[in-house]
């Protein structure tokens, strides 16, 4: 599916979609962003995984865990909406998820593998949607959004955190 009309994306998520660097379609972008992020993870030594750039900020491992958690939630929303479920879904408190994740107790290799598995499952999910399902809408955290937009939000969310990782953690 082509990039959605930015005006149809909830304001909270617009920055994610606007930050996607290329004008490719959804599935090629999911694959390319997966590969780019894995390359970035591969550059991070194990001893830097528990690094946070400032007091109170997530560590690199926590950041990767957050990306995986958020992608799972975005995919779940897409699945529900794509299957016609009109239930208003709740939001989630990302900081609570990070605290309870115990991300720093796991090696970087585990985080790498988890991300690849989560992204591959996301690709499989979106690859199976029909055009009708891509255009299906639902509401999450009080925001109305369609399945296609959720796909682009997922990609933009990853690029957003990749930029933070590069500029604040790995500089």
C-alpha atoms as a PDB file:
ATOM      1  CA  UNK A   1       0.000   0.000   0.000  1.00  0.00           C
ATOM      2  CA  UNK A   2       1.173   3.536  -0.690  1.00  0.00           C
ATOM      3  CA  UNK A   3       1.987   6.011   2.047  1.00  0.00           C
ATOM      4  CA  UNK A   4      -1.225   7.277   3.647  1.00  0.00           C
ATOM      5  CA  UNK A   5      -2.449  10.833   3.424  1.00  0.00           C
ATOM      6  CA  UNK A   6      -0.656  12.566   6.301  1.00  0.00           C
ATOM      7  CA  UNK A   7      -3.844  14.493   7.120  1.00  0.00           C
ATOM      8  CA  UNK A   8      -5.619  11.220   7.977  1.00  0.00           C
ATOM      9  CA  UNK A   9      -3.028  10.250  10.580  1.00  0.00           C
ATOM     10  CA  UNK A  10      -3.674  11.299  14.184  1.00  0.00           C
ATOM     11  CA  UNK A  11      -1.527  14.279  15.193  1.00  0.00           C
ATOM     12  CA  UNK A  12       0.278  12.217  17.858  1.00  0.00           C
ATOM     13  CA  UNK A  13       1.696   9.931  15.125  1.00  0.00           C
ATOM     14  CA  UNK A  14       2.237  12.368  12.235  1.00  0.00           C
ATOM     15  CA  UNK A  15       5.868  13.002  13.134  1.00  0.00           C
ATOM     16  CA  UNK A  16       6.633   9.304  12.871  1.00  0.00           C
ATOM     17  CA  UNK A  17       5.251   9.034   9.348  1.00  0.00           C
ATOM     18  CA  UNK A  18       6.792  12.327   8.230  1.00  0.00           C
ATOM     19  CA  UNK A  19      10.175  11.007   9.440  1.00  0.00           C
ATOM     20  CA  UNK A  20      10.185   7.992   7.126  1.00  0.00           C
ATOM     21  CA  UNK A  21      13.094   8.689   4.785  1.00  0.00           C
ATOM     22  CA  UNK A  22      11.904   7.104   1.532  1.00  0.00           C
ATOM     23  CA  UNK A  23       8.797   7.082  -0.605  1.00  0.00           C
ATOM     24  CA  UNK A  24       8.693   3.289  -0.932  1.00  0.00           C
ATOM     25  CA  UNK A  25       5.586   1.242  -0.308  1.00  0.00           C
ATOM     26  CA  UNK A  26       4.831  -0.340   3.037  1.00  0.00           C
ATOM     27  CA  UNK A  27       6.253  -3.868   2.809  1.00  0.00           C
ATOM     28  CA  UNK A  28       9.583  -2.889   1.201  1.00  0.00           C
ATOM     29  CA  UNK A  29       9.932  -0.203   3.889  1.00  0.00           C
ATOM     30  CA  UNK A  30       9.283  -2.760   6.631  1.00  0.00           C
ATOM     31  CA  UNK A  31      11.981  -5.017   5.222  1.00  0.00           C
ATOM     32  CA  UNK A  32      14.503  -2.220   4.638  1.00  0.00           C
ATOM     33  CA  UNK A  33      13.989  -0.653   8.068  1.00  0.00           C
ATOM     34  CA  UNK A  34      14.344  -4.096   9.690  1.00  0.00           C
ATOM     35  CA  UNK A  35      17.656  -4.637   7.939  1.00  0.00           C
ATOM     36  CA  UNK A  36      18.917  -1.138   8.760  1.00  0.00           C
ATOM     37  CA  UNK A  37      18.081  -1.557  12.435  1.00  0.00           C
ATOM     38  CA  UNK A  38      19.726  -4.975  12.643  1.00  0.00           C
ATOM     39  CA  UNK A  39      22.890  -3.478  11.104  1.00  0.00           C
ATOM     40  CA  UNK A  40      22.790  -0.735  13.730  1.00  0.00           C
ATOM     41  CA  UNK A  41      22.306  -3.228  16.567  1.00  0.00           C
ATOM     42  CA  UNK A  42      25.246  -5.246  15.235  1.00  0.00           C
ATOM     43  CA  UNK A  43      27.498  -2.208  15.725  1.00  0.00           C
ATOM     44  CA  UNK A  44      26.701  -1.965  19.449  1.00  0.00           C
ATOM     45  CA  UNK A  45      29.088  -3.846  21.736  1.00  0.00           C
ATOM     46  CA  UNK A  46      27.555  -5.851  24.579  1.00  0.00           C
ATOM     47  CA  UNK A  47      29.096  -3.596  27.241  1.00  0.00           C
ATOM     48  CA  UNK A  48      27.302  -0.562  25.776  1.00  0.00           C
ATOM     49  CA  UNK A  49      23.860  -2.213  25.911  1.00  0.00           C
ATOM     50  CA  UNK A  50      23.204  -0.984  29.459  1.00  0.00           C
ATOM     51  CA  UNK A  51      24.260   2.589  28.592  1.00  0.00           C
ATOM     52  CA  UNK A  52      21.796   5.479  29.022  1.00  0.00           C
ATOM     53  CA  UNK A  53      22.809   8.899  27.711  1.00  0.00           C
ATOM     54  CA  UNK A  54      21.340  10.720  30.733  1.00  0.00           C
ATOM     55  CA  UNK A  55      19.903  10.046  34.171  1.00  0.00           C
ATOM     56  CA  UNK A  56      16.370   8.687  33.920  1.00  0.00           C
ATOM     57  CA  UNK A  57      16.655   7.764  30.233  1.00  0.00           C
ATOM     58  CA  UNK A  58      16.276   4.247  28.911  1.00  0.00           C
ATOM     59  CA  UNK A  59      19.312   2.116  28.239  1.00  0.00           C
ATOM     60  CA  UNK A  60      20.010   0.861  24.735  1.00  0.00           C
ATOM     61  CA  UNK A  61      18.607  -2.548  25.672  1.00  0.00           C
ATOM     62  CA  UNK A  62      15.480  -0.931  27.118  1.00  0.00           C
ATOM     63  CA  UNK A  63      15.085   1.151  23.958  1.00  0.00           C
ATOM     64  CA  UNK A  64      15.217  -1.958  21.773  1.00  0.00           C
ATOM     65  CA  UNK A  65      12.740  -3.674  24.086  1.00  0.00           C
ATOM     66  CA  UNK A  66      10.423  -0.673  23.826  1.00  0.00           C
ATOM     67  CA  UNK A  67      10.588  -0.831  20.031  1.00  0.00           C
ATOM     68  CA  UNK A  68       9.575  -4.504  20.149  1.00  0.00           C
ATOM     69  CA  UNK A  69       6.773  -3.910  22.651  1.00  0.00           C
ATOM     70  CA  UNK A  70       5.357  -0.984  20.676  1.00  0.00           C
ATOM     71  CA  UNK A  71       5.527  -2.922  17.407  1.00  0.00           C
ATOM     72  CA  UNK A  72       3.625  -5.814  18.961  1.00  0.00           C
ATOM     73  CA  UNK A  73       0.940  -3.415  20.162  1.00  0.00           C
ATOM     74  CA  UNK A  74       0.721  -1.645  16.795  1.00  0.00           C
ATOM     75  CA  UNK A  75       0.413  -5.029  15.061  1.00  0.00           C
ATOM     76  CA  UNK A  76      -2.279  -6.154  17.469  1.00  0.00           C
ATOM     77  CA  UNK A  77      -4.245  -3.011  16.722  1.00  0.00           C
ATOM     78  CA  UNK A  78      -3.830  -3.574  12.989  1.00  0.00           C
ATOM     79  CA  UNK A  79      -5.004  -7.181  13.343  1.00  0.00           C
ATOM     80  CA  UNK A  80      -8.093  -6.184  15.313  1.00  0.00           C
ATOM     81  CA  UNK A  81      -9.047  -3.358  12.954  1.00  0.00           C
ATOM     82  CA  UNK A  82      -8.241  -5.373   9.829  1.00  0.00           C
ATOM     83  CA  UNK A  83     -10.564  -8.119  11.022  1.00  0.00           C
ATOM     84  CA  UNK A  84     -13.373  -5.631  11.561  1.00  0.00           C
ATOM     85  CA  UNK A  85     -13.189  -5.357  15.343  1.00  0.00           C
ATOM     86  CA  UNK A  86     -14.512  -1.921  16.233  1.00  0.00           C
ATOM     87  CA  UNK A  87     -13.706  -2.147  19.947  1.00  0.00           C
ATOM     88  CA  UNK A  88     -11.996   1.016  21.168  1.00  0.00           C
ATOM     89  CA  UNK A  89      -8.595  -0.260  22.275  1.00  0.00           C
ATOM     90  CA  UNK A  90      -6.714   1.244  25.220  1.00  0.00           C
ATOM     91  CA  UNK A  91      -3.341   2.913  25.090  1.00  0.00           C
ATOM     92  CA  UNK A  92      -0.324   1.653  26.999  1.00  0.00           C
ATOM     93  CA  UNK A  93       2.153   3.232  29.372  1.00  0.00           C
ATOM     94  CA  UNK A  94       5.513   2.739  27.717  1.00  0.00           C
ATOM     95  CA  UNK A  95       7.576   3.528  30.811  1.00  0.00           C
ATOM     96  CA  UNK A  96       5.752   0.886  32.849  1.00  0.00           C
ATOM     97  CA  UNK A  97       6.438  -1.664  30.117  1.00  0.00           C
ATOM     98  CA  UNK A  98      10.133  -0.787  30.077  1.00  0.00           C
ATOM     99  CA  UNK A  99      10.488  -1.018  33.862  1.00  0.00           C
ATOM    100  CA  UNK A 100       8.928  -4.465  33.988  1.00  0.00           C
ATOM    101  CA  UNK A 101      10.784  -5.786  30.923  1.00  0.00           C
ATOM    102  CA  UNK A 102      14.086  -6.552  32.690  1.00  0.00           C
ATOM    103  CA  UNK A 103      15.752  -5.704  29.379  1.00  0.00           C
ATOM    104  CA  UNK A 104      19.153  -5.080  30.949  1.00  0.00           C
ATOM    105  CA  UNK A 105      19.283  -8.668  32.225  1.00  0.00           C
ATOM    106  CA  UNK A 106      19.361 -10.056  28.674  1.00  0.00           C
ATOM    107  CA  UNK A 107      22.264 -10.051  26.207  1.00  0.00           C
ATOM    108  CA  UNK A 108      22.203  -7.841  23.131  1.00  0.00           C
ATOM    109  CA  UNK A 109      21.977 -10.933  20.917  1.00  0.00           C
ATOM    110  CA  UNK A 110      18.608 -11.771  22.493  1.00  0.00           C
ATOM    111  CA  UNK A 111      17.308  -8.286  21.755  1.00  0.00           C
ATOM    112  CA  UNK A 112      18.533  -8.536  18.164  1.00  0.00           C
ATOM    113  CA  UNK A 113      16.778 -11.872  17.671  1.00  0.00           C
ATOM    114  CA  UNK A 114      13.598 -10.647  19.312  1.00  0.00           C
ATOM    115  CA  UNK A 115      13.449  -7.588  17.074  1.00  0.00           C
ATOM    116  CA  UNK A 116      13.953  -9.684  13.938  1.00  0.00           C
ATOM    117  CA  UNK A 117      11.220 -12.106  15.019  1.00  0.00           C
ATOM    118  CA  UNK A 118       8.773  -9.335  15.908  1.00  0.00           C
ATOM    119  CA  UNK A 119       9.397  -7.466  12.647  1.00  0.00           C
ATOM    120  CA  UNK A 120       9.121 -10.640  10.570  1.00  0.00           C
ATOM    121  CA  UNK A 121       5.777 -11.404  12.238  1.00  0.00           C
ATOM    122  CA  UNK A 122       4.665  -7.829  11.461  1.00  0.00           C
ATOM    123  CA  UNK A 123       5.691  -8.252   7.823  1.00  0.00           C
ATOM    124  CA  UNK A 124       3.765 -11.533   7.611  1.00  0.00           C
ATOM    125  CA  UNK A 125       0.684  -9.928   9.144  1.00  0.00           C
ATOM    126  CA  UNK A 126       0.665  -6.941   6.802  1.00  0.00           C
ATOM    127  CA  UNK A 127       1.521  -9.106   3.794  1.00  0.00           C
ATOM    128  CA  UNK A 128      -1.693 -11.046   4.430  1.00  0.00           C
ATOM    129  CA  UNK A 129      -4.033  -8.058   4.565  1.00  0.00           C
ATOM    130  CA  UNK A 130      -6.364  -7.421   1.642  1.00  0.00           C
ATOM    131  CA  UNK A 131      -6.877  -3.918   0.289  1.00  0.00           C
ATOM    132  CA  UNK A 132     -10.162  -3.771   2.196  1.00  0.00           C
ATOM    133  CA  UNK A 133      -8.393  -4.706   5.435  1.00  0.00           C
ATOM    134  CA  UNK A 134      -5.688  -2.056   4.861  1.00  0.00           C
ATOM    135  CA  UNK A 135      -8.427   0.565   4.629  1.00  0.00           C
ATOM    136  CA  UNK A 136     -10.246  -0.648   7.780  1.00  0.00           C
ATOM    137  CA  UNK A 137     -10.412   1.801  10.659  1.00  0.00           C
ATOM    138  CA  UNK A 138     -10.498   1.436  14.387  1.00  0.00           C
ATOM    139  CA  UNK A 139      -9.807   3.454  17.497  1.00  0.00           C
ATOM    140  CA  UNK A 140      -6.877   3.065  19.868  1.00  0.00           C
ATOM    141  CA  UNK A 141      -6.311   5.320  22.848  1.00  0.00           C
ATOM    142  CA  UNK A 142      -9.159   7.483  21.554  1.00  0.00           C
ATOM    143  CA  UNK A 143      -7.490   8.013  18.162  1.00  0.00           C
ATOM    144  CA  UNK A 144      -9.121   6.809  14.942  1.00  0.00           C
ATOM    145  CA  UNK A 145      -6.622   5.213  12.568  1.00  0.00           C
ATOM    146  CA  UNK A 146      -6.627   2.830   9.601  1.00  0.00           C
ATOM    147  CA  UNK A 147      -4.545  -0.335   9.203  1.00  0.00           C
ATOM    148  CA  UNK A 148      -2.343   1.098   6.439  1.00  0.00           C
ATOM    149  CA  UNK A 149      -1.471   4.084   8.622  1.00  0.00           C
ATOM    150  CA  UNK A 150      -0.599   1.752  11.504  1.00  0.00           C
ATOM    151  CA  UNK A 151       1.923   0.061   9.224  1.00  0.00           C
ATOM    152  CA  UNK A 152       3.585   3.366   8.430  1.00  0.00           C
ATOM    153  CA  UNK A 153       3.410   4.472  12.070  1.00  0.00           C
ATOM    154  CA  UNK A 154       5.244   1.256  12.999  1.00  0.00           C
ATOM    155  CA  UNK A 155       8.013   2.021  10.516  1.00  0.00           C
ATOM    156  CA  UNK A 156       8.193   5.678  11.539  1.00  0.00           C
ATOM    157  CA  UNK A 157       8.361   4.730  15.209  1.00  0.00           C
ATOM    158  CA  UNK A 158      11.402   2.582  14.469  1.00  0.00           C
ATOM    159  CA  UNK A 159      13.107   5.316  12.437  1.00  0.00           C
ATOM    160  CA  UNK A 160      12.378   7.821  15.218  1.00  0.00           C
ATOM    161  CA  UNK A 161      14.164   5.636  17.765  1.00  0.00           C
ATOM    162  CA  UNK A 162      16.985   4.789  15.356  1.00  0.00           C
ATOM    163  CA  UNK A 163      17.696   8.498  15.055  1.00  0.00           C
ATOM    164  CA  UNK A 164      17.708   8.913  18.842  1.00  0.00           C
ATOM    165  CA  UNK A 165      19.996   5.891  19.169  1.00  0.00           C
ATOM    166  CA  UNK A 166      22.442   7.332  16.624  1.00  0.00           C
ATOM    167  CA  UNK A 167      22.384  10.916  17.901  1.00  0.00           C
ATOM    168  CA  UNK A 168      22.249  10.430  21.678  1.00  0.00           C
ATOM    169  CA  UNK A 169      23.602   6.976  22.436  1.00  0.00           C
ATOM    170  CA  UNK A 170      26.175   6.223  19.753  1.00  0.00           C
ATOM    171  CA  UNK A 171      27.690   9.619  18.971  1.00  0.00           C
END
